[in-house]
C-alpha atoms as a PDB file:
ATOM      1  CA  UNK A   1      16.615  17.197  -4.517  1.00  0.00           C
ATOM      2  CA  UNK A   2      14.621  17.842  -1.040  1.00  0.00           C
ATOM      3  CA  UNK A   3      16.353  19.811   1.380  1.00  0.00           C
ATOM      4  CA  UNK A   4      15.233  17.949   3.881  1.00  0.00           C
ATOM      5  CA  UNK A   5      17.911  16.433   6.323  1.00  0.00           C
ATOM      6  CA  UNK A   6      18.870  12.957   5.169  1.00  0.00           C
ATOM      7  CA  UNK A   7      20.184  10.366   7.846  1.00  0.00           C
ATOM      8  CA  UNK A   8      21.217   7.160   6.355  1.00  0.00           C
ATOM      9  CA  UNK A   9      21.591   4.787   8.829  1.00  0.00           C
ATOM     10  CA  UNK A  10      24.481   2.089   7.510  1.00  0.00           C
ATOM     11  CA  UNK A  11      22.884  -1.298   6.981  1.00  0.00           C
ATOM     12  CA  UNK A  12      24.178  -4.930   5.853  1.00  0.00           C
ATOM     13  CA  UNK A  13      21.686  -6.261   3.537  1.00  0.00           C
ATOM     14  CA  UNK A  14      20.870 -10.085   4.605  1.00  0.00           C
ATOM     15  CA  UNK A  15      20.579 -12.066   1.435  1.00  0.00           C
ATOM     16  CA  UNK A  16      19.263 -15.269   0.669  1.00  0.00           C
ATOM     17  CA  UNK A  17      17.590 -17.655  -1.573  1.00  0.00           C
ATOM     18  CA  UNK A  18      13.981 -18.690  -0.540  1.00  0.00           C
ATOM     19  CA  UNK A  19      13.614 -22.186  -0.052  1.00  0.00           C
ATOM     20  CA  UNK A  20      10.341 -24.198  -0.560  1.00  0.00           C
ATOM     21  CA  UNK A  21       8.947 -25.800   2.872  1.00  0.00           C
ATOM     22  CA  UNK A  22       8.397 -29.330   2.033  1.00  0.00           C
ATOM     23  CA  UNK A  23       4.450 -29.429   1.903  1.00  0.00           C
ATOM     24  CA  UNK A  24       4.445 -27.623  -1.065  1.00  0.00           C
ATOM     25  CA  UNK A  25       3.639 -24.315   0.363  1.00  0.00           C
ATOM     26  CA  UNK A  26       3.314 -21.113  -2.044  1.00  0.00           C
ATOM     27  CA  UNK A  27       6.534 -20.222  -3.125  1.00  0.00           C
ATOM     28  CA  UNK A  28       8.408 -17.979  -0.490  1.00  0.00           C
ATOM     29  CA  UNK A  29       5.962 -18.699   2.373  1.00  0.00           C
ATOM     30  CA  UNK A  30       7.741 -20.132   5.512  1.00  0.00           C
ATOM     31  CA  UNK A  31      11.168 -19.851   3.747  1.00  0.00           C
ATOM     32  CA  UNK A  32      14.551 -18.768   5.251  1.00  0.00           C
ATOM     33  CA  UNK A  33      17.243 -17.290   3.652  1.00  0.00           C
ATOM     34  CA  UNK A  34      20.664 -19.630   2.657  1.00  0.00           C
ATOM     35  CA  UNK A  35      24.013 -18.710   4.501  1.00  0.00           C
ATOM     36  CA  UNK A  36      25.704 -19.187   0.786  1.00  0.00           C
ATOM     37  CA  UNK A  37      23.148 -16.043  -0.025  1.00  0.00           C
ATOM     38  CA  UNK A  38      24.380 -13.999   2.807  1.00  0.00           C
ATOM     39  CA  UNK A  39      28.185 -14.600   1.980  1.00  0.00           C
ATOM     40  CA  UNK A  40      27.041 -13.176  -1.484  1.00  0.00           C
ATOM     41  CA  UNK A  41      25.266  -9.931  -0.355  1.00  0.00           C
ATOM     42  CA  UNK A  42      28.025  -9.206   2.297  1.00  0.00           C
ATOM     43  CA  UNK A  43      30.723  -9.677  -0.602  1.00  0.00           C
ATOM     44  CA  UNK A  44      28.483  -7.274  -2.823  1.00  0.00           C
ATOM     45  CA  UNK A  45      27.653  -9.782  -5.388  1.00  0.00           C
ATOM     46  CA  UNK A  46      24.048  -9.212  -5.484  1.00  0.00           C
ATOM     47  CA  UNK A  47      21.429 -11.455  -7.324  1.00  0.00           C
ATOM     48  CA  UNK A  48      20.664  -8.969 -10.099  1.00  0.00           C
ATOM     49  CA  UNK A  49      22.198  -5.700 -11.015  1.00  0.00           C
ATOM     50  CA  UNK A  50      18.680  -3.983 -11.290  1.00  0.00           C
ATOM     51  CA  UNK A  51      15.798  -3.179  -8.591  1.00  0.00           C
ATOM     52  CA  UNK A  52      12.268  -1.655  -9.946  1.00  0.00           C
ATOM     53  CA  UNK A  53      10.272  -0.397  -6.829  1.00  0.00           C
ATOM     54  CA  UNK A  54       7.498   1.891  -6.464  1.00  0.00           C
ATOM     55  CA  UNK A  55       6.875   5.288  -4.537  1.00  0.00           C
ATOM     56  CA  UNK A  56       3.652   6.715  -3.841  1.00  0.00           C
ATOM     57  CA  UNK A  57       2.193   9.656  -1.970  1.00  0.00           C
ATOM     58  CA  UNK A  58      -0.096   7.186  -0.116  1.00  0.00           C
ATOM     59  CA  UNK A  59       2.971   5.649   1.007  1.00  0.00           C
ATOM     60  CA  UNK A  60       5.053   8.097   3.104  1.00  0.00           C
ATOM     61  CA  UNK A  61       8.008   5.681   3.791  1.00  0.00           C
ATOM     62  CA  UNK A  62       8.402   5.035   0.268  1.00  0.00           C
ATOM     63  CA  UNK A  63       9.220   8.833  -0.370  1.00  0.00           C
ATOM     64  CA  UNK A  64      11.724   8.788   3.028  1.00  0.00           C
ATOM     65  CA  UNK A  65      13.440   5.919   1.447  1.00  0.00           C
ATOM     66  CA  UNK A  66      13.463   7.647  -2.115  1.00  0.00           C
ATOM     67  CA  UNK A  67      14.227  10.854  -1.280  1.00  0.00           C
ATOM     68  CA  UNK A  68      17.339  10.022   1.198  1.00  0.00           C
ATOM     69  CA  UNK A  69      18.666   7.344  -0.926  1.00  0.00           C
ATOM     70  CA  UNK A  70      18.580   4.506   1.480  1.00  0.00           C
ATOM     71  CA  UNK A  71      18.253   1.685  -0.913  1.00  0.00           C
ATOM     72  CA  UNK A  72      21.074   3.169  -2.956  1.00  0.00           C
ATOM     73  CA  UNK A  73      23.288   3.396  -0.133  1.00  0.00           C
ATOM     74  CA  UNK A  74      22.591  -0.493   1.213  1.00  0.00           C
ATOM     75  CA  UNK A  75      22.822  -1.804  -2.386  1.00  0.00           C
ATOM     76  CA  UNK A  76      25.930   0.387  -3.524  1.00  0.00           C
ATOM     77  CA  UNK A  77      26.997   0.738  -6.999  1.00  0.00           C
ATOM     78  CA  UNK A  78      26.551  -2.735  -8.197  1.00  0.00           C
ATOM     79  CA  UNK A  79      22.744  -2.099  -8.383  1.00  0.00           C
ATOM     80  CA  UNK A  80      20.795   0.073 -10.447  1.00  0.00           C
ATOM     81  CA  UNK A  81      17.441   1.276  -8.419  1.00  0.00           C
ATOM     82  CA  UNK A  82      14.764   2.420 -10.823  1.00  0.00           C
ATOM     83  CA  UNK A  83      11.629   4.236  -8.960  1.00  0.00           C
ATOM     84  CA  UNK A  84       8.229   4.059 -10.558  1.00  0.00           C
ATOM     85  CA  UNK A  85       5.418   6.085  -8.985  1.00  0.00           C
ATOM     86  CA  UNK A  86       1.983   4.220  -8.411  1.00  0.00           C
ATOM     87  CA  UNK A  87      -0.768   6.368  -8.595  1.00  0.00           C
ATOM     88  CA  UNK A  88      -2.859   3.710  -6.621  1.00  0.00           C
ATOM     89  CA  UNK A  89      -3.436   0.189  -5.515  1.00  0.00           C
ATOM     90  CA  UNK A  90      -4.682  -0.685  -8.646  1.00  0.00           C
ATOM     91  CA  UNK A  91      -2.073   0.702 -10.810  1.00  0.00           C
ATOM     92  CA  UNK A  92       0.811  -0.893  -8.194  1.00  0.00           C
ATOM     93  CA  UNK A  93      -1.017  -4.166  -8.986  1.00  0.00           C
ATOM     94  CA  UNK A  94      -1.009  -3.593 -12.665  1.00  0.00           C
ATOM     95  CA  UNK A  95       3.020  -2.999 -12.564  1.00  0.00           C
ATOM     96  CA  UNK A  96       3.637  -5.887 -10.392  1.00  0.00           C
ATOM     97  CA  UNK A  97       1.430  -7.993 -12.462  1.00  0.00           C
ATOM     98  CA  UNK A  98       3.090  -7.009 -15.685  1.00  0.00           C
ATOM     99  CA  UNK A  99       6.915  -7.185 -14.008  1.00  0.00           C
ATOM    100  CA  UNK A 100       7.146  -3.488 -14.783  1.00  0.00           C
ATOM    101  CA  UNK A 101       8.267  -3.289 -10.929  1.00  0.00           C
ATOM    102  CA  UNK A 102       9.662  -5.785  -8.425  1.00  0.00           C
ATOM    103  CA  UNK A 103       7.797  -4.195  -5.045  1.00  0.00           C
ATOM    104  CA  UNK A 104       4.880  -2.018  -5.180  1.00  0.00           C
ATOM    105  CA  UNK A 105       2.734  -0.634  -2.436  1.00  0.00           C
ATOM    106  CA  UNK A 106      -0.859  -1.372  -2.367  1.00  0.00           C
ATOM    107  CA  UNK A 107      -3.889  -1.343   0.349  1.00  0.00           C
ATOM    108  CA  UNK A 108      -4.130  -4.515   2.052  1.00  0.00           C
ATOM    109  CA  UNK A 109      -7.572  -4.958   0.293  1.00  0.00           C
ATOM    110  CA  UNK A 110      -6.185  -4.753  -3.161  1.00  0.00           C
ATOM    111  CA  UNK A 111      -3.375  -6.944  -2.355  1.00  0.00           C
ATOM    112  CA  UNK A 112      -5.614  -9.654  -1.159  1.00  0.00           C
ATOM    113  CA  UNK A 113      -8.012  -8.883  -4.438  1.00  0.00           C
ATOM    114  CA  UNK A 114      -5.049  -9.335  -7.070  1.00  0.00           C
ATOM    115  CA  UNK A 115      -3.967 -12.433  -5.160  1.00  0.00           C
ATOM    116  CA  UNK A 116      -7.402 -14.059  -5.165  1.00  0.00           C
ATOM    117  CA  UNK A 117      -7.529 -13.326  -9.041  1.00  0.00           C
ATOM    118  CA  UNK A 118      -4.284 -15.066  -9.620  1.00  0.00           C
ATOM    119  CA  UNK A 119      -1.586 -12.334  -9.362  1.00  0.00           C
ATOM    120  CA  UNK A 120       1.679 -13.939  -7.852  1.00  0.00           C
ATOM    121  CA  UNK A 121       2.548 -11.499  -5.058  1.00  0.00           C
ATOM    122  CA  UNK A 122       2.378 -11.845  -1.186  1.00  0.00           C
ATOM    123  CA  UNK A 123       3.145  -8.744   1.752  1.00  0.00           C
ATOM    124  CA  UNK A 124       6.547  -8.825   2.698  1.00  0.00           C
ATOM    125  CA  UNK A 125       6.544  -5.609   4.759  1.00  0.00           C
ATOM    126  CA  UNK A 126       3.520  -3.258   6.499  1.00  0.00           C
ATOM    127  CA  UNK A 127       4.176   0.208   6.076  1.00  0.00           C
ATOM    128  CA  UNK A 128       1.386   2.125   7.600  1.00  0.00           C
ATOM    129  CA  UNK A 129      -1.740   1.165   9.725  1.00  0.00           C
ATOM    130  CA  UNK A 130      -3.616   4.228   7.890  1.00  0.00           C
ATOM    131  CA  UNK A 131      -7.284   6.071   7.960  1.00  0.00           C
ATOM    132  CA  UNK A 132      -6.836   6.998   4.373  1.00  0.00           C
ATOM    133  CA  UNK A 133     -10.273   6.544   2.978  1.00  0.00           C
ATOM    134  CA  UNK A 134     -13.789   7.896   3.450  1.00  0.00           C
ATOM    135  CA  UNK A 135     -16.929   9.326   1.781  1.00  0.00           C
ATOM    136  CA  UNK A 136     -16.722  12.638   0.336  1.00  0.00           C
ATOM    137  CA  UNK A 137     -18.993  15.492  -1.050  1.00  0.00           C
ATOM    138  CA  UNK A 138     -18.876  18.535  -2.103  1.00  0.00           C
ATOM    139  CA  UNK A 139     -19.165  21.547   0.347  1.00  0.00           C
ATOM    140  CA  UNK A 140     -23.215  22.473  -0.562  1.00  0.00           C
ATOM    141  CA  UNK A 141     -24.388  18.985  -1.289  1.00  0.00           C
ATOM    142  CA  UNK A 142     -26.977  17.638   0.365  1.00  0.00           C
ATOM    143  CA  UNK A 143     -25.924  14.319   0.882  1.00  0.00           C
ATOM    144  CA  UNK A 144     -25.832  13.822   4.690  1.00  0.00           C
ATOM    145  CA  UNK A 145     -25.234  10.280   4.967  1.00  0.00           C
ATOM    146  CA  UNK A 146     -24.278   6.757   3.188  1.00  0.00           C
ATOM    147  CA  UNK A 147     -28.231   5.980   2.764  1.00  0.00           C
ATOM    148  CA  UNK A 148     -28.438   9.133   1.015  1.00  0.00           C
ATOM    149  CA  UNK A 149     -26.134   7.514  -1.712  1.00  0.00           C
ATOM    150  CA  UNK A 150     -29.107   5.584  -3.086  1.00  0.00           C
ATOM    151  CA  UNK A 151     -29.378   6.168  -6.722  1.00  0.00           C
ATOM    152  CA  UNK A 152     -26.486   8.660  -6.785  1.00  0.00           C
ATOM    153  CA  UNK A 153     -23.140   8.538  -8.647  1.00  0.00           C
ATOM    154  CA  UNK A 154     -19.840   7.987  -6.776  1.00  0.00           C
ATOM    155  CA  UNK A 155     -16.474   8.072  -8.254  1.00  0.00           C
ATOM    156  CA  UNK A 156     -14.341   5.492  -7.057  1.00  0.00           C
ATOM    157  CA  UNK A 157     -11.270   3.518  -7.905  1.00  0.00           C
ATOM    158  CA  UNK A 158     -11.911   0.065  -8.593  1.00  0.00           C
ATOM    159  CA  UNK A 159      -9.395  -2.366  -6.816  1.00  0.00           C
ATOM    160  CA  UNK A 160      -8.379   0.117  -4.171  1.00  0.00           C
ATOM    161  CA  UNK A 161      -9.277   0.672  -0.417  1.00  0.00           C
ATOM    162  CA  UNK A 162     -11.849   3.548  -1.029  1.00  0.00           C
ATOM    163  CA  UNK A 163     -13.657   1.005  -3.427  1.00  0.00           C
ATOM    164  CA  UNK A 164     -13.744  -1.287  -0.701  1.00  0.00           C
ATOM    165  CA  UNK A 165     -14.814   1.365   1.736  1.00  0.00           C
ATOM    166  CA  UNK A 166     -17.543   1.885  -0.412  1.00  0.00           C
ATOM    167  CA  UNK A 167     -18.809  -1.424  -0.348  1.00  0.00           C
ATOM    168  CA  UNK A 168     -18.430  -1.887   3.214  1.00  0.00           C
ATOM    169  CA  UNK A 169     -20.142   1.504   3.740  1.00  0.00           C
ATOM    170  CA  UNK A 170     -23.320   0.549   1.731  1.00  0.00           C
ATOM    171  CA  UNK A 171     -23.144  -2.541   2.986  1.00  0.00           C
ATOM    172  CA  UNK A 172     -23.539  -1.471   6.859  1.00  0.00           C
ATOM    173  CA  UNK A 173     -26.362   1.230   5.433  1.00  0.00           C
ATOM    174  CA  UNK A 174     -28.290  -2.010   3.875  1.00  0.00           C
ATOM    175  CA  UNK A 175     -27.476  -0.955   0.442  1.00  0.00           C
ATOM    176  CA  UNK A 176     -25.056  -2.542  -2.211  1.00  0.00           C
ATOM    177  CA  UNK A 177     -23.286  -1.781  -5.286  1.00  0.00           C
ATOM    178  CA  UNK A 178     -26.307  -1.729  -7.478  1.00  0.00           C
ATOM    179  CA  UNK A 179     -28.084   0.906  -5.483  1.00  0.00           C
ATOM    180  CA  UNK A 180     -25.463   3.489  -6.563  1.00  0.00           C
ATOM    181  CA  UNK A 181     -23.964   4.447 -10.048  1.00  0.00           C
ATOM    182  CA  UNK A 182     -19.892   4.053  -9.748  1.00  0.00           C
ATOM    183  CA  UNK A 183     -17.658   6.025 -11.882  1.00  0.00           C
ATOM    184  CA  UNK A 184     -14.419   3.756 -12.026  1.00  0.00           C
ATOM    185  CA  UNK A 185     -11.692   6.888 -12.056  1.00  0.00           C
ATOM    186  CA  UNK A 186      -8.454   7.288 -10.565  1.00  0.00           C
ATOM    187  CA  UNK A 187      -8.180   9.085  -7.448  1.00  0.00           C
ATOM    188  CA  UNK A 188      -7.230  12.513  -8.508  1.00  0.00           C
ATOM    189  CA  UNK A 189      -9.756  11.932 -11.329  1.00  0.00           C
ATOM    190  CA  UNK A 190     -12.265  11.040  -8.566  1.00  0.00           C
ATOM    191  CA  UNK A 191     -12.010  14.426  -6.658  1.00  0.00           C
ATOM    192  CA  UNK A 192     -11.914  16.421 -10.051  1.00  0.00           C
ATOM    193  CA  UNK A 193     -15.050  14.667 -10.958  1.00  0.00           C
ATOM    194  CA  UNK A 194     -16.710  15.707  -7.600  1.00  0.00           C
ATOM    195  CA  UNK A 195     -15.346  19.208  -7.875  1.00  0.00           C
ATOM    196  CA  UNK A 196     -16.679  19.613 -11.562  1.00  0.00           C
ATOM    197  CA  UNK A 197     -20.186  18.443 -10.294  1.00  0.00           C
ATOM    198  CA  UNK A 198     -20.509  15.065 -12.498  1.00  0.00           C
ATOM    199  CA  UNK A 199     -20.489  12.853  -9.544  1.00  0.00           C
ATOM    200  CA  UNK A 200     -22.492  13.161  -6.354  1.00  0.00           C
ATOM    201  CA  UNK A 201     -19.826  11.653  -4.119  1.00  0.00           C
ATOM    202  CA  UNK A 202     -16.263  10.428  -3.958  1.00  0.00           C
ATOM    203  CA  UNK A 203     -14.528   7.407  -2.283  1.00  0.00           C
ATOM    204  CA  UNK A 204     -11.715   9.433  -1.655  1.00  0.00           C
ATOM    205  CA  UNK A 205      -8.028   8.795  -0.730  1.00  0.00           C
ATOM    206  CA  UNK A 206      -5.511  10.592   1.204  1.00  0.00           C
ATOM    207  CA  UNK A 207      -3.446  13.022   0.561  1.00  0.00           C
ATOM    208  CA  UNK A 208      -5.850  13.982  -2.512  1.00  0.00           C
ATOM    209  CA  UNK A 209      -9.041  13.578   0.095  1.00  0.00           C
ATOM    210  CA  UNK A 210      -7.225  15.581   2.886  1.00  0.00           C
ATOM    211  CA  UNK A 211      -6.443  18.349  -0.051  1.00  0.00           C
ATOM    212  CA  UNK A 212     -10.144  18.554  -1.016  1.00  0.00           C
ATOM    213  CA  UNK A 213     -11.315  19.215   2.374  1.00  0.00           C
ATOM    214  CA  UNK A 214      -8.778  22.407   2.627  1.00  0.00           C
ATOM    215  CA  UNK A 215      -9.014  23.437  -0.984  1.00  0.00           C
ATOM    216  CA  UNK A 216     -12.248  22.882  -2.117  1.00  0.00           C
ATOM    217  CA  UNK A 217     -14.506  22.493   1.149  1.00  0.00           C
ATOM    218  CA  UNK A 218     -15.318  19.126   0.414  1.00  0.00           C
ATOM    219  CA  UNK A 219     -17.093  17.357   3.429  1.00  0.00           C
ATOM    220  CA  UNK A 220     -16.413  13.782   4.554  1.00  0.00           C
ATOM    221  CA  UNK A 221     -19.778  12.356   5.402  1.00  0.00           C
ATOM    222  CA  UNK A 222     -18.866   8.755   6.482  1.00  0.00           C
ATOM    223  CA  UNK A 223     -15.463   8.015   8.376  1.00  0.00           C
ATOM    224  CA  UNK A 224     -14.568   4.431   9.852  1.00  0.00           C
ATOM    225  CA  UNK A 225     -11.057   3.621  10.445  1.00  0.00           C
ATOM    226  CA  UNK A 226     -12.084  -0.243  10.644  1.00  0.00           C
ATOM    227  CA  UNK A 227     -13.099  -0.315   7.185  1.00  0.00           C
ATOM    228  CA  UNK A 228      -9.503   1.001   6.192  1.00  0.00           C
ATOM    229  CA  UNK A 229      -6.719  -1.922   5.546  1.00  0.00           C
ATOM    230  CA  UNK A 230      -3.252  -1.790   6.365  1.00  0.00           C
ATOM    231  CA  UNK A 231      -0.766  -0.409   3.863  1.00  0.00           C
ATOM    232  CA  UNK A 232       1.000  -3.474   2.369  1.00  0.00           C
ATOM    233  CA  UNK A 233       4.515  -3.790   0.661  1.00  0.00           C
ATOM    234  CA  UNK A 234       4.256  -6.687  -2.322  1.00  0.00           C
ATOM    235  CA  UNK A 235       6.779  -8.698  -3.730  1.00  0.00           C
ATOM    236  CA  UNK A 236       6.128 -11.028  -6.538  1.00  0.00           C
ATOM    237  CA  UNK A 237       6.965 -14.782  -6.057  1.00  0.00           C
ATOM    238  CA  UNK A 238       9.474 -14.691  -8.658  1.00  0.00           C
ATOM    239  CA  UNK A 239      11.319 -11.647  -7.028  1.00  0.00           C
ATOM    240  CA  UNK A 240      11.197 -13.353  -3.476  1.00  0.00           C
ATOM    241  CA  UNK A 241      12.530 -16.812  -4.547  1.00  0.00           C
ATOM    242  CA  UNK A 242      15.100 -15.532  -6.974  1.00  0.00           C
ATOM    243  CA  UNK A 243      16.177 -12.319  -5.733  1.00  0.00           C
ATOM    244  CA  UNK A 244      15.684 -12.839  -2.019  1.00  0.00           C
ATOM    245  CA  UNK A 245      19.106 -10.775  -1.020  1.00  0.00           C
ATOM    246  CA  UNK A 246      17.008  -7.527  -2.781  1.00  0.00           C
ATOM    247  CA  UNK A 247      13.879  -8.378  -1.107  1.00  0.00           C
ATOM    248  CA  UNK A 248      15.648  -8.200   2.472  1.00  0.00           C
ATOM    249  CA  UNK A 249      17.673  -5.105   1.541  1.00  0.00           C
ATOM    250  CA  UNK A 250      14.187  -3.421   0.425  1.00  0.00           C
ATOM    251  CA  UNK A 251      12.416  -4.447   3.880  1.00  0.00           C
ATOM    252  CA  UNK A 252      15.775  -3.371   5.709  1.00  0.00           C
ATOM    253  CA  UNK A 253      15.451  -0.148   3.942  1.00  0.00           C
ATOM    254  CA  UNK A 254      11.673   0.322   5.060  1.00  0.00           C
ATOM    255  CA  UNK A 255      12.246  -0.505   8.494  1.00  0.00           C
ATOM    256  CA  UNK A 256      15.109   2.482   8.640  1.00  0.00           C
ATOM    257  CA  UNK A 257      13.034   4.981   6.999  1.00  0.00           C
ATOM    258  CA  UNK A 258      10.226   4.099   9.975  1.00  0.00           C
ATOM    259  CA  UNK A 259      12.371   4.753  12.307  1.00  0.00           C
ATOM    260  CA  UNK A 260      13.317   8.212  10.803  1.00  0.00           C
ATOM    261  CA  UNK A 261       9.764   9.229   9.991  1.00  0.00           C
ATOM    262  CA  UNK A 262       8.697   8.350  13.560  1.00  0.00           C
ATOM    263  CA  UNK A 263      11.266  10.848  14.837  1.00  0.00           C
ATOM    264  CA  UNK A 264      10.783  13.502  12.126  1.00  0.00           C
ATOM    265  CA  UNK A 265       7.311  13.688  11.512  1.00  0.00           C
ATOM    266  CA  UNK A 266       7.572  17.467  10.564  1.00  0.00           C
ATOM    267  CA  UNK A 267       9.877  16.319   7.764  1.00  0.00           C
ATOM    268  CA  UNK A 268       8.182  13.459   6.887  1.00  0.00           C
ATOM    269  CA  UNK A 269       4.954  15.864   6.053  1.00  0.00           C
ATOM    270  CA  UNK A 270       7.282  18.782   4.395  1.00  0.00           C
ATOM    271  CA  UNK A 271       8.514  15.284   1.961  1.00  0.00           C
ATOM    272  CA  UNK A 272       4.807  14.495   1.361  1.00  0.00           C
ATOM    273  CA  UNK A 273       3.666  17.718   1.038  1.00  0.00           C
ATOM    274  CA  UNK A 274       6.613  18.466  -1.557  1.00  0.00           C
ATOM    275  CA  UNK A 275       6.137  15.015  -3.765  1.00  0.00           C
ATOM    276  CA  UNK A 276       2.239  15.534  -3.762  1.00  0.00           C
ATOM    277  CA  UNK A 277       1.978  19.182  -4.339  1.00  0.00           C
ATOM    278  CA  UNK A 278      -0.110  20.054  -1.330  1.00  0.00           C
ATOM    279  CA  UNK A 279       0.379  22.604   1.352  1.00  0.00           C
ATOM    280  CA  UNK A 280       1.880  21.618   4.311  1.00  0.00           C
ATOM    281  CA  UNK A 281      -0.967  21.903   6.450  1.00  0.00           C
ATOM    282  CA  UNK A 282      -2.932  19.182   4.541  1.00  0.00           C
ATOM    283  CA  UNK A 283       0.269  17.078   4.745  1.00  0.00           C
ATOM    284  CA  UNK A 284       0.597  17.222   8.397  1.00  0.00           C
ATOM    285  CA  UNK A 285      -3.045  16.286   8.841  1.00  0.00           C
ATOM    286  CA  UNK A 286      -2.130  13.254   6.998  1.00  0.00           C
ATOM    287  CA  UNK A 287       0.932  12.162   8.703  1.00  0.00           C
ATOM    288  CA  UNK A 288      -0.078  13.124  12.023  1.00  0.00           C
ATOM    289  CA  UNK A 289      -3.620  12.064  12.356  1.00  0.00           C
ATOM    290  CA  UNK A 290      -4.377   9.763   9.455  1.00  0.00           C
ATOM    291  CA  UNK A 291      -1.254   7.635   9.092  1.00  0.00           C
ATOM    292  CA  UNK A 292       0.030   5.490  12.092  1.00  0.00           C
ATOM    293  CA  UNK A 293       3.496   4.736  11.015  1.00  0.00           C
ATOM    294  CA  UNK A 294       4.201   3.024  14.622  1.00  0.00           C
ATOM    295  CA  UNK A 295       3.152  -0.263  13.512  1.00  0.00           C
ATOM    296  CA  UNK A 296       4.913  -3.328  13.424  1.00  0.00           C
ATOM    297  CA  UNK A 297       6.308  -3.846   9.832  1.00  0.00           C
ATOM    298  CA  UNK A 298       6.044  -7.929  10.418  1.00  0.00           C
ATOM    299  CA  UNK A 299       2.886  -8.873   8.354  1.00  0.00           C
ATOM    300  CA  UNK A 300       0.542 -11.480  10.166  1.00  0.00           C
ATOM    301  CA  UNK A 301      -2.633 -12.044  12.143  1.00  0.00           C
ATOM    302  CA  UNK A 302      -3.325  -8.514  12.307  1.00  0.00           C
ATOM    303  CA  UNK A 303      -3.506  -7.970   8.776  1.00  0.00           C
ATOM    304  CA  UNK A 304      -5.659 -11.243   8.117  1.00  0.00           C
ATOM    305  CA  UNK A 305      -8.101 -10.492  10.725  1.00  0.00           C
ATOM    306  CA  UNK A 306      -8.822  -7.220   8.762  1.00  0.00           C
ATOM    307  CA  UNK A 307      -8.924  -8.762   5.323  1.00  0.00           C
ATOM    308  CA  UNK A 308     -11.141 -11.749   6.995  1.00  0.00           C
ATOM    309  CA  UNK A 309     -13.495  -8.923   7.312  1.00  0.00           C
ATOM    310  CA  UNK A 310     -13.649  -7.560   3.689  1.00  0.00           C
ATOM    311  CA  UNK A 311     -13.513 -11.189   2.448  1.00  0.00           C
ATOM    312  CA  UNK A 312     -17.056 -11.853   2.472  1.00  0.00           C
ATOM    313  CA  UNK A 313     -18.006  -8.280   1.065  1.00  0.00           C
ATOM    314  CA  UNK A 314     -15.155  -9.256  -1.748  1.00  0.00           C
ATOM    315  CA  UNK A 315     -16.905 -12.165  -2.874  1.00  0.00           C
ATOM    316  CA  UNK A 316     -20.324 -10.466  -2.930  1.00  0.00           C
ATOM    317  CA  UNK A 317     -18.673  -7.829  -5.537  1.00  0.00           C
ATOM    318  CA  UNK A 318     -18.175 -10.432  -8.079  1.00  0.00           C
ATOM    319  CA  UNK A 319     -14.431  -9.120  -8.436  1.00  0.00           C
ATOM    320  CA  UNK A 320     -13.333 -12.304  -7.710  1.00  0.00           C
ATOM    321  CA  UNK A 321     -13.265 -14.907 -10.510  1.00  0.00           C
ATOM    322  CA  UNK A 322     -12.718 -17.973  -8.427  1.00  0.00           C
ATOM    323  CA  UNK A 323     -15.333 -16.823  -5.629  1.00  0.00           C
ATOM    324  CA  UNK A 324     -14.869 -17.625  -2.126  1.00  0.00           C
ATOM    325  CA  UNK A 325     -12.531 -20.689  -2.629  1.00  0.00           C
ATOM    326  CA  UNK A 326     -10.019 -18.190  -4.614  1.00  0.00           C
ATOM    327  CA  UNK A 327     -10.264 -15.620  -1.762  1.00  0.00           C
ATOM    328  CA  UNK A 328      -9.726 -18.207   1.312  1.00  0.00           C
ATOM    329  CA  UNK A 329      -6.926 -19.537  -0.894  1.00  0.00           C
ATOM    330  CA  UNK A 330      -5.540 -15.938  -1.146  1.00  0.00           C
ATOM    331  CA  UNK A 331      -5.789 -15.524   2.496  1.00  0.00           C
ATOM    332  CA  UNK A 332      -3.778 -18.769   3.462  1.00  0.00           C
ATOM    333  CA  UNK A 333      -1.044 -17.811   1.435  1.00  0.00           C
ATOM    334  CA  UNK A 334      -0.508 -13.890   0.955  1.00  0.00           C
ATOM    335  CA  UNK A 335       1.704 -13.420   3.871  1.00  0.00           C
ATOM    336  CA  UNK A 336       5.498 -13.664   3.722  1.00  0.00           C
ATOM    337  CA  UNK A 337       7.075 -12.389   7.066  1.00  0.00           C
ATOM    338  CA  UNK A 338      10.403 -13.829   6.342  1.00  0.00           C
ATOM    339  CA  UNK A 339      12.137 -10.531   5.499  1.00  0.00           C
ATOM    340  CA  UNK A 340      10.551  -7.973   7.949  1.00  0.00           C
ATOM    341  CA  UNK A 341      11.015 -10.711  10.876  1.00  0.00           C
ATOM    342  CA  UNK A 342      14.727 -10.469   9.688  1.00  0.00           C
ATOM    343  CA  UNK A 343      14.789  -6.726   9.560  1.00  0.00           C
ATOM    344  CA  UNK A 344      12.616  -6.002  12.901  1.00  0.00           C
ATOM    345  CA  UNK A 345      14.731  -8.520  14.589  1.00  0.00           C
ATOM    346  CA  UNK A 346      18.105  -7.255  13.830  1.00  0.00           C
ATOM    347  CA  UNK A 347      17.486  -3.651  14.775  1.00  0.00           C
END
């Protein structure tokens, strides 16, 4: 257990079953919690005796919640919390789709891709506005720009923000995905491939990318914060509909963790260093320079605006089975702000 000082903020989880609007919107959209469910949660009668949720090094708030036992404190002994680590947005989406977790952390772009391809997820909270992706090369590479990637091999984890960062970077440089050879590797394996010389470049992700800079001398040849999408906390529609009380408890925990992390950046960096197995200097860079945790947890127009910018790139990539129509439908239905509005409004 971490030695980081724990500060548990008492909270009452606001429960509720989600009610569909009469127009037939996607389940959970524009829904509100019922009074009867509020009473049920207040009496300790939760809708399930288990909750499966992920933690990830690219989601610092998840590390705080897990380390401090915030969810366990809110839910008490009646609900067993199962923590599952996500190695990347693609893995979190796989876990959500298979039902292995109820709530998972992804980049906004990855959530949009998943919903466009039929995964019944919605974003219920925003955990960060990060600059967590860049194009990375080795210390002695002669690649100095995105244009130099033409004909080169690039490691990237498909279905994640670094992959979409690569697509956008190539497009801006007048190239396409067909102009490079993409090696579909998980983030840590991408770094290993770059350092081992089996790829020419890597679409990196923090904190692994920040560690590569310090430990291997790798270079970030292209950065663009506008190409990074927000950190999305997603839940399945089934979970939202049938376990709204637990969804509210999760979002309440995230808002508590955000307050603590903003007041304790050094301790948050130390926790990241511990879990990720990286130097404290690297973790501090990630937390203080590349992770904006001081962002509203309520998903809405700001996130949709960013996703609309990458939507054409997503369609052009061929990664969406239903094409433009599927992406448009996903954009219209991916946000469920109900729980975050309650959590923020109740502070």
